[in-house]
């Protein structure tokens, strides 16, 4: 299954004041900024490509009238900061557009298990990025979609995974479990030509506010279809939803649906954990099945709120490392490398919602149940890894996570923001090798296998419903210390970002779920 959002990119945002620009970084020390004996010309007004020669990228920044200069900026920036810089083929940029050239500035190498090392390389307009920054706002209908095969055949099945409150989708009661049958007259199941696929993509993933799309949907538990016309609008994500206390025979259990580590989630998490702490819950089910990651600092805060002060005091949330050019220095900020702690205070990513410096509420738990799918990625995985690193028991129910122990700093140049892998992270115990994801297992044998149960996502119940398969299994496991008999193995969904059948691709053309599967580290200083 691939989870795409037609409403929000649920990005991993840093505050505008912290957003790094191309000019703020360092640069390659391979060459100076003037002409050299090898013939490379570093004059920004007439740059030249010379194989193997890289000028300081800061001298090429924001020179937007000459595409070649933008390409050479990308080339030098990648050579300096990309985690696998020495695996990039040094190509002449002349035959390519700027966007095409950026796509080539990454490794094609495979991991030890045969998967591509880098599935997380993308760019987007700075305007769009900044509109998302801090609020998760983007054009759409307010529904996130699951794209998958209906069976062993190549039949498409597009299902609503969840929707955002107060959006076109929620207003029209297009909720979790609803199946999209047709889009603007084109059958989702039967479309078999490029024009039909284009109509499906344009309708499912609108890029312009005001676009009207006619959907035929089949609601959950309905035997009939209905026609709904949705008008795309600017939708603001609600990353923290469905906070509730579940009373059981063995005490109170907290449940929390957490969809994205974006800036506005800080206030949501603060309020949710405060509510659960006041209710004196004895366990927590953290539903991160659709959480592609985001701000590592937010994940650190949530880790602290789950585990509490005693468990996290003087412990490391994550230790990051960059490429071999920078063993002690952060190449983006220029600062000495220091581990990220578990943050015990509010940071104030969005000060209109929550000011900085507030002591965070805590649950002081020794274990946490996490609900996962292949859409669980990056900062969400870092949270799991960090808690395990300080001996908080993590029990995983669902499917294998996406496998991304890597991250980046978003960097702007010429009205485009670029995202390229720049660092990897490990927990307090030094573990960080989960590039194939965390795997729930009844008998873990390697560190990337987590005690728990393999279960398919359940679109036949609302999230937070105690009868929903993953939540129900967590409650059963809590009482019996084993998986329910209904647990069924599911094949790990492809980490690829499109749904392919019969040569035709159904995808979000705005890099939507590519962005959902990343994380950001910020040059954050927390006053003690």
Protein backbone atom coordinates (compact mmCIF):
# COMPACT_ATOMS: atom_id res chain seq x y z
CA UNK A 1 0.00 0.00 0.00
CA UNK A 2 1.09 3.55 -0.70
CA UNK A 3 -0.51 6.35 1.28
CA UNK A 4 -0.94 9.61 -0.59
CA UNK A 5 -2.64 12.74 0.64
CA UNK A 6 -4.91 14.68 -1.65
CA UNK A 7 -5.32 17.43 0.90
CA UNK A 8 -2.01 18.12 2.54
CA UNK A 9 1.58 17.22 2.08
CA UNK A 10 1.84 16.80 5.85
CA UNK A 11 5.39 18.13 5.55
CA UNK A 12 8.19 18.17 8.02
CA UNK A 13 8.47 21.81 8.61
CA UNK A 14 10.84 24.16 10.34
CA UNK A 15 9.92 27.67 11.36
CA UNK A 16 10.55 30.36 8.80
CA UNK A 17 13.26 31.92 10.91
CA UNK A 18 15.14 28.63 10.93
CA UNK A 19 14.82 27.81 7.23
CA UNK A 20 18.26 27.60 5.69
CA UNK A 21 19.00 29.32 2.41
CA UNK A 22 21.60 28.43 -0.11
CA UNK A 23 23.74 31.37 0.91
CA UNK A 24 24.00 30.35 4.55
CA UNK A 25 25.97 27.18 4.10
CA UNK A 26 29.63 26.52 3.76
CA UNK A 27 30.83 24.89 0.58
CA UNK A 28 33.34 22.62 -0.99
CA UNK A 29 36.97 23.27 -0.24
CA UNK A 30 38.00 21.61 -3.48
CA UNK A 31 38.42 24.89 -5.33
CA UNK A 32 38.50 28.61 -4.77
CA UNK A 33 36.26 31.24 -6.27
CA UNK A 34 38.59 32.42 -9.02
CA UNK A 35 40.01 30.90 -12.18
CA UNK A 36 42.38 28.01 -11.53
CA UNK A 37 45.13 26.31 -13.45
CA UNK A 38 42.84 23.42 -14.38
CA UNK A 39 40.73 25.77 -16.47
CA UNK A 40 37.68 25.94 -14.22
CA UNK A 41 36.14 29.39 -14.26
CA UNK A 42 34.42 30.28 -10.99
CA UNK A 43 33.20 33.70 -12.13
CA UNK A 44 29.48 33.40 -11.41
CA UNK A 45 28.63 35.42 -14.54
CA UNK A 46 30.16 32.82 -16.85
CA UNK A 47 30.47 29.48 -15.04
CA UNK A 48 31.91 26.43 -16.72
CA UNK A 49 31.62 22.75 -15.94
CA UNK A 50 34.95 20.98 -15.52
CA UNK A 51 34.84 17.31 -14.58
CA UNK A 52 36.08 16.70 -11.06
CA UNK A 53 36.35 20.39 -10.17
CA UNK A 54 33.91 21.94 -7.70
CA UNK A 55 33.78 25.58 -6.72
CA UNK A 56 32.38 26.79 -3.41
CA UNK A 57 28.61 26.59 -3.85
CA UNK A 58 28.01 29.80 -1.91
CA UNK A 59 29.65 31.75 -4.76
CA UNK A 60 27.01 30.39 -7.15
CA UNK A 61 23.94 30.88 -4.99
CA UNK A 62 20.89 32.88 -6.11
CA UNK A 63 22.25 33.61 -9.59
CA UNK A 64 19.04 32.74 -11.30
CA UNK A 65 19.31 34.15 -14.80
CA UNK A 66 21.67 31.45 -16.05
CA UNK A 67 20.42 27.86 -15.72
CA UNK A 68 23.97 26.52 -15.88
CA UNK A 69 24.88 28.51 -12.78
CA UNK A 70 21.94 26.96 -10.93
CA UNK A 71 23.06 23.51 -12.05
CA UNK A 72 26.62 24.13 -10.93
CA UNK A 73 25.31 25.36 -7.58
CA UNK A 74 23.37 22.11 -7.19
CA UNK A 75 26.43 20.12 -8.23
CA UNK A 76 28.79 21.79 -5.73
CA UNK A 77 26.18 21.75 -2.95
CA UNK A 78 25.58 18.04 -3.51
CA UNK A 79 29.28 17.26 -3.67
CA UNK A 80 29.78 19.06 -0.38
CA UNK A 81 26.79 17.94 1.71
CA UNK A 82 25.18 14.82 0.13
CA UNK A 83 25.68 11.79 2.36
CA UNK A 84 26.86 9.63 -0.55
CA UNK A 85 28.52 12.41 -2.54
CA UNK A 86 31.23 10.09 -3.86
CA UNK A 87 28.60 7.90 -5.54
CA UNK A 88 27.21 10.71 -7.71
CA UNK A 89 28.24 10.45 -11.36
CA UNK A 90 29.79 13.79 -12.34
CA UNK A 91 27.85 14.62 -15.51
CA UNK A 92 28.03 17.64 -17.80
CA UNK A 93 24.82 19.56 -17.03
CA UNK A 94 24.47 20.97 -20.56
CA UNK A 95 21.96 18.38 -21.91
CA UNK A 96 19.62 18.73 -18.93
CA UNK A 97 17.19 21.18 -17.42
CA UNK A 98 17.83 22.32 -13.85
CA UNK A 99 15.16 19.94 -12.52
CA UNK A 100 16.45 17.02 -14.58
CA UNK A 101 20.00 17.65 -13.44
CA UNK A 102 19.00 17.69 -9.77
CA UNK A 103 17.36 14.29 -10.19
CA UNK A 104 20.72 12.91 -11.34
CA UNK A 105 22.61 14.25 -8.33
CA UNK A 106 22.07 11.20 -6.16
CA UNK A 107 23.39 7.70 -5.77
CA UNK A 108 22.13 4.82 -7.88
CA UNK A 109 23.76 2.30 -5.54
CA UNK A 110 21.81 -0.38 -3.69
CA UNK A 111 21.72 -1.26 -0.01
CA UNK A 112 23.02 -4.59 1.26
CA UNK A 113 19.53 -6.00 0.83
CA UNK A 114 19.24 -4.89 -2.79
CA UNK A 115 17.02 -1.82 -2.37
CA UNK A 116 17.87 1.64 -3.63
CA UNK A 117 19.77 3.61 -0.99
CA UNK A 118 18.02 6.86 -1.81
CA UNK A 119 14.28 7.00 -2.43
CA UNK A 120 13.91 10.39 -0.80
CA UNK A 121 15.37 12.97 -3.21
CA UNK A 122 13.07 15.76 -4.36
CA UNK A 123 12.45 19.48 -4.79
CA UNK A 124 9.48 21.83 -4.76
CA UNK A 125 8.81 25.51 -5.29
CA UNK A 126 9.88 27.67 -2.37
CA UNK A 127 6.51 29.39 -2.48
CA UNK A 128 4.74 26.08 -1.95
CA UNK A 129 7.22 25.04 0.73
CA UNK A 130 6.75 28.29 2.62
CA UNK A 131 2.96 28.04 2.39
CA UNK A 132 3.27 24.66 4.07
CA UNK A 133 5.77 25.87 6.65
CA UNK A 134 4.33 25.90 10.10
CA UNK A 135 0.74 25.02 9.19
CA UNK A 136 0.69 22.09 6.78
CA UNK A 137 -1.50 24.04 4.37
CA UNK A 138 -1.87 22.89 0.79
CA UNK A 139 -4.47 22.60 -1.95
CA UNK A 140 -6.74 19.58 -1.84
CA UNK A 141 -10.01 18.15 -0.57
CA UNK A 142 -8.94 17.10 2.92
CA UNK A 143 -8.74 13.35 2.36
CA UNK A 144 -5.72 11.06 2.43
CA UNK A 145 -5.86 8.09 0.09
CA UNK A 146 -4.57 4.54 0.11
CA UNK A 147 -3.59 3.20 -3.33
CA UNK A 148 -3.25 -0.57 -3.49
CA UNK A 149 -4.04 -3.75 -5.38
CA UNK A 150 -7.46 -5.09 -4.50
CA UNK A 151 -6.20 -8.68 -4.77
CA UNK A 152 -3.44 -10.65 -6.45
CA UNK A 153 -4.63 -9.11 -9.71
CA UNK A 154 -3.65 -5.63 -10.91
CA UNK A 155 -7.04 -4.13 -10.06
CA UNK A 156 -6.70 -0.67 -8.58
CA UNK A 157 -8.34 0.16 -5.28
CA UNK A 158 -8.34 3.75 -4.01
CA UNK A 159 -9.63 4.06 -0.46
CA UNK A 160 -9.96 7.03 1.88
CA UNK A 161 -7.60 6.42 4.80
CA UNK A 162 -8.65 9.44 6.83
CA UNK A 163 -9.85 12.99 6.33
CA UNK A 164 -9.15 16.33 7.91
CA UNK A 165 -11.90 18.10 9.88
CA UNK A 166 -13.74 21.05 8.34
CA UNK A 167 -12.67 20.32 4.77
CA UNK A 168 -14.52 19.60 1.50
CA UNK A 169 -14.16 15.85 2.10
CA UNK A 170 -15.37 15.86 5.68
CA UNK A 171 -18.23 18.25 4.84
CA UNK A 172 -19.37 15.76 2.18
CA UNK A 173 -18.98 12.83 4.62
CA UNK A 174 -16.25 11.21 2.51
CA UNK A 175 -14.64 9.34 5.37
CA UNK A 176 -12.27 6.47 6.13
CA UNK A 177 -13.19 3.33 4.25
CA UNK A 178 -14.92 5.06 1.35
CA UNK A 179 -13.80 3.66 -2.02
CA UNK A 180 -13.28 6.01 -4.96
CA UNK A 181 -15.03 4.30 -7.88
CA UNK A 182 -14.63 6.96 -10.58
CA UNK A 183 -13.12 10.41 -11.05
CA UNK A 184 -14.64 12.84 -13.57
CA UNK A 185 -16.26 9.95 -15.40
CA UNK A 186 -13.13 7.76 -15.52
CA UNK A 187 -13.26 4.39 -13.79
CA UNK A 188 -10.43 3.96 -11.28
CA UNK A 189 -10.41 0.23 -11.84
CA UNK A 190 -10.69 0.16 -15.62
CA UNK A 191 -8.58 3.12 -16.78
CA UNK A 192 -6.01 1.71 -19.18
CA UNK A 193 -4.60 4.58 -21.22
CA UNK A 194 -2.46 7.60 -20.46
CA UNK A 195 -5.28 10.13 -20.97
CA UNK A 196 -7.52 8.35 -18.47
CA UNK A 197 -4.71 8.07 -15.95
CA UNK A 198 -4.02 11.79 -16.37
CA UNK A 199 -7.67 12.54 -15.53
CA UNK A 200 -7.48 10.34 -12.44
CA UNK A 201 -4.27 12.00 -11.27
CA UNK A 202 -5.59 15.52 -11.89
CA UNK A 203 -8.80 14.78 -10.01
CA UNK A 204 -7.35 12.88 -7.08
CA UNK A 205 -4.45 15.30 -6.57
CA UNK A 206 -5.53 18.82 -7.54
CA UNK A 207 -2.95 21.58 -7.67
CA UNK A 208 -5.29 24.57 -8.04
CA UNK A 209 -7.74 25.90 -5.48
CA UNK A 210 -11.27 26.03 -6.88
CA UNK A 211 -10.92 22.96 -9.10
CA UNK A 212 -14.15 20.98 -9.05
CA UNK A 213 -14.01 17.21 -9.40
CA UNK A 214 -16.86 14.75 -9.59
CA UNK A 215 -16.31 11.54 -7.65
CA UNK A 216 -18.35 8.39 -7.53
CA UNK A 217 -17.78 6.91 -4.08
CA UNK A 218 -18.94 3.83 -2.24
CA UNK A 219 -19.11 4.56 1.47
CA UNK A 220 -18.07 2.04 4.09
CA UNK A 221 -20.82 -0.55 4.70
CA UNK A 222 -22.83 0.76 1.73
CA UNK A 223 -23.96 -1.40 -1.17
CA UNK A 224 -24.69 1.56 -3.42
CA UNK A 225 -22.61 4.33 -4.93
CA UNK A 226 -23.17 8.06 -4.71
CA UNK A 227 -21.90 11.02 -6.68
CA UNK A 228 -20.05 13.79 -4.85
CA UNK A 229 -18.58 16.97 -6.31
CA UNK A 230 -15.66 18.33 -4.29
CA UNK A 231 -14.05 21.73 -4.76
CA UNK A 232 -10.34 21.89 -4.01
CA UNK A 233 -9.40 24.40 -1.35
CA UNK A 234 -6.46 25.35 0.84
CA UNK A 235 -6.57 22.74 3.57
CA UNK A 236 -4.72 23.03 6.88
CA UNK A 237 -3.63 19.80 8.45
CA UNK A 238 -4.70 18.74 11.93
CA UNK A 239 -1.73 16.50 12.73
CA UNK A 240 -2.94 15.33 16.16
CA UNK A 241 -6.41 13.78 16.25
CA UNK A 242 -8.60 11.35 18.17
CA UNK A 243 -7.05 11.71 21.61
CA UNK A 244 -9.04 9.45 23.88
CA UNK A 245 -8.94 7.39 27.05
CA UNK A 246 -10.02 3.77 26.80
CA UNK A 247 -11.27 2.16 30.01
CA UNK A 248 -10.34 -1.52 30.27
CA UNK A 249 -10.59 -4.15 32.98
CA UNK A 250 -6.86 -3.68 33.52
CA UNK A 251 -6.73 0.09 33.71
CA UNK A 252 -6.86 3.10 31.45
CA UNK A 253 -5.19 3.16 28.03
CA UNK A 254 -4.49 6.33 26.10
CA UNK A 255 -4.92 6.45 22.31
CA UNK A 256 -3.49 9.15 20.09
CA UNK A 257 -3.59 9.48 16.29
CA UNK A 258 -0.48 11.40 15.21
CA UNK A 259 -0.24 12.04 11.46
CA UNK A 260 2.75 14.31 10.97
CA UNK A 261 5.65 15.90 12.83
CA UNK A 262 4.84 19.39 11.56
CA UNK A 263 5.23 22.60 13.53
CA UNK A 264 1.57 22.88 14.53
CA UNK A 265 1.73 19.41 16.06
CA UNK A 266 3.65 20.81 19.03
CA UNK A 267 0.52 22.37 20.53
CA UNK A 268 -1.57 19.33 19.60
CA UNK A 269 0.84 16.93 21.29
CA UNK A 270 1.16 19.19 24.33
CA UNK A 271 -2.61 19.23 24.77
CA UNK A 272 -3.05 15.52 24.03
CA UNK A 273 -0.40 14.33 26.48
CA UNK A 274 -1.72 16.76 29.10
CA UNK A 275 -5.17 15.22 28.69
CA UNK A 276 -3.83 11.66 28.94
CA UNK A 277 -1.61 12.54 31.89
CA UNK A 278 -4.53 14.08 33.75
CA UNK A 279 -6.52 10.91 33.02
CA UNK A 280 -3.65 8.88 34.55
CA UNK A 281 -3.41 6.41 31.69
CA UNK A 282 -1.27 3.37 32.36
CA UNK A 283 -0.39 2.64 28.73
CA UNK A 284 -0.33 4.48 25.41
CA UNK A 285 -1.27 3.35 21.91
CA UNK A 286 0.43 5.75 19.51
CA UNK A 287 -1.12 5.55 16.06
CA UNK A 288 1.57 6.66 13.59
CA UNK A 289 0.50 4.43 10.71
CA UNK A 290 0.29 7.44 8.34
CA UNK A 291 3.01 9.59 9.90
CA UNK A 292 5.77 10.10 7.34
CA UNK A 293 7.94 12.06 9.76
CA UNK A 294 9.09 15.64 9.98
CA UNK A 295 10.75 17.62 12.71
CA UNK A 296 13.15 15.52 14.72
CA UNK A 297 12.92 18.02 17.56
CA UNK A 298 9.18 17.29 17.77
CA UNK A 299 9.87 13.56 17.87
CA UNK A 300 12.36 14.24 20.66
CA UNK A 301 9.73 16.17 22.60
CA UNK A 302 7.19 13.37 22.18
CA UNK A 303 9.78 10.83 23.31
CA UNK A 304 10.30 12.88 26.46
CA UNK A 305 6.56 13.19 27.06
CA UNK A 306 6.12 9.42 26.76
CA UNK A 307 9.12 8.34 28.85
CA UNK A 308 9.42 11.19 31.35
CA UNK A 309 12.31 13.01 32.96
CA UNK A 310 13.99 10.15 34.82
CA UNK A 311 14.22 7.87 31.77
CA UNK A 312 15.47 10.60 29.41
CA UNK A 313 17.75 12.64 31.69
CA UNK A 314 21.21 12.91 30.09
CA UNK A 315 20.18 10.44 27.39
CA UNK A 316 20.56 10.91 23.64
CA UNK A 317 17.55 11.03 21.37
CA UNK A 318 19.68 10.82 18.23
CA UNK A 319 23.30 11.26 17.25
CA UNK A 320 23.70 12.41 13.65
CA UNK A 321 26.61 11.99 11.29
CA UNK A 322 27.32 13.48 7.86
CA UNK A 323 29.57 12.40 5.00
CA UNK A 324 33.24 11.66 5.56
CA UNK A 325 34.26 15.24 4.78
CA UNK A 326 32.62 16.32 8.02
CA UNK A 327 33.37 14.00 10.91
CA UNK A 328 33.09 16.68 13.61
CA UNK A 329 31.36 19.66 11.95
CA UNK A 330 27.85 20.10 10.63
CA UNK A 331 28.43 21.13 6.99
CA UNK A 332 25.18 23.10 6.84
CA UNK A 333 25.34 25.10 10.06
CA UNK A 334 29.12 25.08 10.51
CA UNK A 335 28.65 24.11 14.15
CA UNK A 336 30.34 21.27 16.03
CA UNK A 337 28.35 18.05 15.90
CA UNK A 338 26.44 17.46 19.13
CA UNK A 339 23.83 14.79 19.87
CA UNK A 340 20.16 15.74 20.04
CA UNK A 341 18.79 15.28 23.56
CA UNK A 342 15.24 14.52 24.60
CA UNK A 343 13.78 18.03 24.76
CA UNK A 344 11.84 18.61 28.01
CA UNK A 345 10.39 22.02 27.09
CA UNK A 346 8.23 23.55 24.41
CA UNK A 347 10.18 25.04 21.52
CA UNK A 348 7.57 27.39 20.12
CA UNK A 349 7.67 26.40 16.45
CA UNK A 350 4.43 28.32 16.12
CA UNK A 351 4.39 30.84 18.96
CA UNK A 352 0.81 31.84 18.23
CA UNK A 353 -0.16 28.33 19.33
CA UNK A 354 2.39 27.55 22.04
CA UNK A 355 5.15 29.73 23.43
CA UNK A 356 8.61 28.37 24.09
CA UNK A 357 10.04 27.37 27.45
CA UNK A 358 7.04 25.54 28.93
CA UNK A 359 7.75 22.30 30.79
CA UNK A 360 6.24 19.44 28.82
CA UNK A 361 3.70 17.07 30.37
CA UNK A 362 4.82 13.47 30.82
CA UNK A 363 3.26 10.01 31.05
CA UNK A 364 6.32 8.32 32.58
CA UNK A 365 5.66 5.06 30.77
CA UNK A 366 7.97 2.09 30.51
CA UNK A 367 6.44 0.89 27.25
CA UNK A 368 4.46 2.16 24.28
CA UNK A 369 2.37 0.41 21.63
CA UNK A 370 2.89 1.82 18.14
CA UNK A 371 0.61 1.20 15.14
CA UNK A 372 2.53 1.24 11.86
CA UNK A 373 2.35 0.78 8.10
CA UNK A 374 4.91 1.40 5.32
CA UNK A 375 3.68 5.00 5.59
CA UNK A 376 5.37 5.22 9.01
CA UNK A 377 8.65 6.83 8.16
CA UNK A 378 11.69 8.85 9.14
CA UNK A 379 11.08 10.96 12.28
CA UNK A 380 8.43 8.43 13.34
CA UNK A 381 11.00 5.66 13.03
CA UNK A 382 13.53 7.84 14.84
CA UNK A 383 11.08 8.13 17.74
CA UNK A 384 10.73 4.34 17.92
CA UNK A 385 14.48 3.91 17.70
CA UNK A 386 15.22 6.56 20.33
CA UNK A 387 12.80 5.06 22.86
CA UNK A 388 14.30 1.64 22.34
CA UNK A 389 17.71 3.23 22.85
CA UNK A 390 16.80 4.18 26.42
CA UNK A 391 15.12 0.83 27.18
CA UNK A 392 11.52 1.92 26.78
CA UNK A 393 9.72 -1.17 25.48
CA UNK A 394 8.25 -0.57 22.03
CA UNK A 395 5.61 -3.00 20.82
CA UNK A 396 4.81 -2.69 17.10
CA UNK A 397 1.50 -3.68 15.55
CA UNK A 398 0.85 -3.42 11.83
CA UNK A 399 3.25 -3.54 8.91
CA UNK A 400 6.94 -2.88 8.32
CA UNK A 401 7.86 0.80 8.39
CA UNK A 402 9.37 2.60 5.40
CA UNK A 403 13.04 2.38 6.43
CA UNK A 404 14.61 5.83 6.51
CA UNK A 405 17.30 6.52 9.10
CA UNK A 406 18.33 9.57 7.04
CA UNK A 407 17.45 13.24 6.89
CA UNK A 408 18.26 16.63 5.40
CA UNK A 409 18.08 20.40 5.64
CA UNK A 410 15.72 21.99 3.10
CA UNK A 411 17.80 24.46 1.10
CA UNK A 412 16.54 27.26 -1.12
CA UNK A 413 18.02 28.51 -4.39
CA UNK A 414 16.32 30.51 -7.13
CA UNK A 415 12.75 30.03 -5.87
CA UNK A 416 13.15 26.28 -5.51
CA UNK A 417 13.68 24.35 -2.27
CA UNK A 418 15.82 21.25 -2.54
CA UNK A 419 15.85 18.20 -0.32
CA UNK A 420 18.82 15.84 -0.53
CA UNK A 421 19.96 13.25 2.01
CA UNK A 422 22.68 14.76 4.19
CA UNK A 423 22.85 12.82 7.45
CA UNK A 424 22.01 9.58 9.18
CA UNK A 425 21.16 8.97 12.80
CA UNK A 426 21.63 6.44 15.60
CA UNK A 427 20.07 6.15 19.05
CA UNK A 428 21.68 6.23 22.51
CA UNK A 429 22.86 2.64 22.06
CA UNK A 430 24.45 3.46 18.69
CA UNK A 431 21.86 1.62 16.58
CA UNK A 432 20.47 3.10 13.39
CA UNK A 433 20.55 0.39 10.74
CA UNK A 434 16.91 0.04 9.81
CA UNK A 435 17.03 1.03 6.15
CA UNK A 436 14.61 -1.81 5.38
CA UNK A 437 12.24 -0.65 8.10
CA UNK A 438 11.27 -1.78 11.58
CA UNK A 439 9.55 -5.16 11.35
CA UNK A 440 6.97 -6.38 13.89
CA UNK A 441 7.89 -9.90 14.96
CA UNK A 442 6.73 -12.51 17.44
CA UNK A 443 10.33 -13.71 17.69
CA UNK A 444 12.80 -10.88 17.02
CA UNK A 445 16.29 -12.02 16.01
CA UNK A 446 17.87 -8.77 14.77
CA UNK A 447 17.76 -5.22 16.10
CA UNK A 448 15.42 -3.97 13.38
CA UNK A 449 12.80 -6.53 14.39
CA UNK A 450 10.47 -5.23 17.09
CA UNK A 451 8.26 -7.33 19.36
CA UNK A 452 4.73 -7.26 18.04
CA UNK A 453 2.27 -8.49 15.45
CA UNK A 454 2.10 -8.29 11.67
CA UNK A 455 -1.31 -6.99 10.69
CA UNK A 456 -2.93 -5.48 7.61
CA UNK A 457 -4.42 -1.99 7.86
CA UNK A 458 -8.14 -2.09 8.56
CA UNK A 459 -10.22 0.31 6.47
CA UNK A 460 -13.49 -1.11 7.75
CA UNK A 461 -13.35 0.72 11.07
CA UNK A 462 -12.67 4.29 12.11
CA UNK A 463 -9.29 5.14 13.56
CA UNK A 464 -9.57 5.01 17.33
CA UNK A 465 -12.40 2.45 17.25
CA UNK A 466 -11.49 -0.34 19.68
CA UNK A 467 -12.73 -2.84 17.08
CA UNK A 468 -10.26 -1.52 14.49
CA UNK A 469 -7.77 -4.32 13.80
CA UNK A 470 -4.52 -2.67 14.89
CA UNK A 471 -5.88 -0.95 17.99
CA UNK A 472 -7.79 -4.07 18.97
CA UNK A 473 -4.59 -6.11 18.65
CA UNK A 474 -2.69 -3.64 20.83
CA UNK A 475 -5.32 -3.96 23.57
CA UNK A 476 -5.24 -7.75 23.26
CA UNK A 477 -1.44 -7.83 23.39
CA UNK A 478 -1.51 -5.62 26.50
CA UNK A 479 -3.72 -8.13 28.31
CA UNK A 480 -2.18 -11.36 26.99
CA UNK A 481 1.40 -10.50 26.00
CA UNK A 482 0.88 -12.12 22.61
CA UNK A 483 -0.73 -11.48 19.24
CA UNK A 484 -4.40 -12.24 18.66
CA UNK A 485 -5.21 -15.24 16.51
CA UNK A 486 -6.64 -12.91 13.86
CA UNK A 487 -3.19 -11.50 13.17
CA UNK A 488 -2.36 -12.24 9.55
CA UNK A 489 0.93 -11.74 7.81
CA UNK A 490 0.99 -9.08 5.14
CA UNK A 491 3.56 -8.62 2.45
CA UNK A 492 5.59 -5.50 2.90
CA UNK A 493 4.34 -2.81 0.55
CA UNK A 494 6.80 -1.37 -1.90
CA UNK A 495 8.64 1.72 -0.75
CA UNK A 496 8.31 3.11 -4.28
CA UNK A 497 6.24 6.24 -4.45
CA UNK A 498 3.82 5.36 -7.24
CA UNK A 499 1.16 2.75 -7.90
CA UNK A 500 1.95 0.86 -11.10
CA UNK A 501 -0.20 -1.53 -13.04
CA UNK A 502 -0.11 -2.65 -16.66
CA UNK A 503 2.39 0.07 -17.49
CA UNK A 504 0.15 2.92 -16.29
CA UNK A 505 1.04 4.95 -13.23
CA UNK A 506 -1.34 6.56 -10.77
CA UNK A 507 0.53 9.05 -8.64
CA UNK A 508 0.50 12.39 -6.96
CA UNK A 509 2.40 14.52 -9.42
CA UNK A 510 3.23 17.12 -6.75
CA UNK A 511 5.83 14.91 -5.03
CA UNK A 512 3.29 14.59 -2.27
CA UNK A 513 4.10 11.28 -0.67
CA UNK A 514 7.79 11.67 -1.46
CA UNK A 515 7.70 14.62 0.90
CA UNK A 516 5.70 12.65 3.45
CA UNK A 517 8.58 10.22 3.85
CA UNK A 518 11.28 12.53 5.11
CA UNK A 519 12.54 14.27 8.20
CA UNK A 520 14.19 17.53 9.00
CA UNK A 521 16.72 18.50 11.59
CA UNK A 522 16.86 22.14 12.60
CA UNK A 523 19.71 24.30 13.92
CA UNK A 524 17.82 24.52 17.17
CA UNK A 525 19.23 25.83 20.45
CA UNK A 526 17.09 25.13 23.49
CA UNK A 527 17.78 27.38 26.44
CA UNK A 528 18.13 25.47 29.69
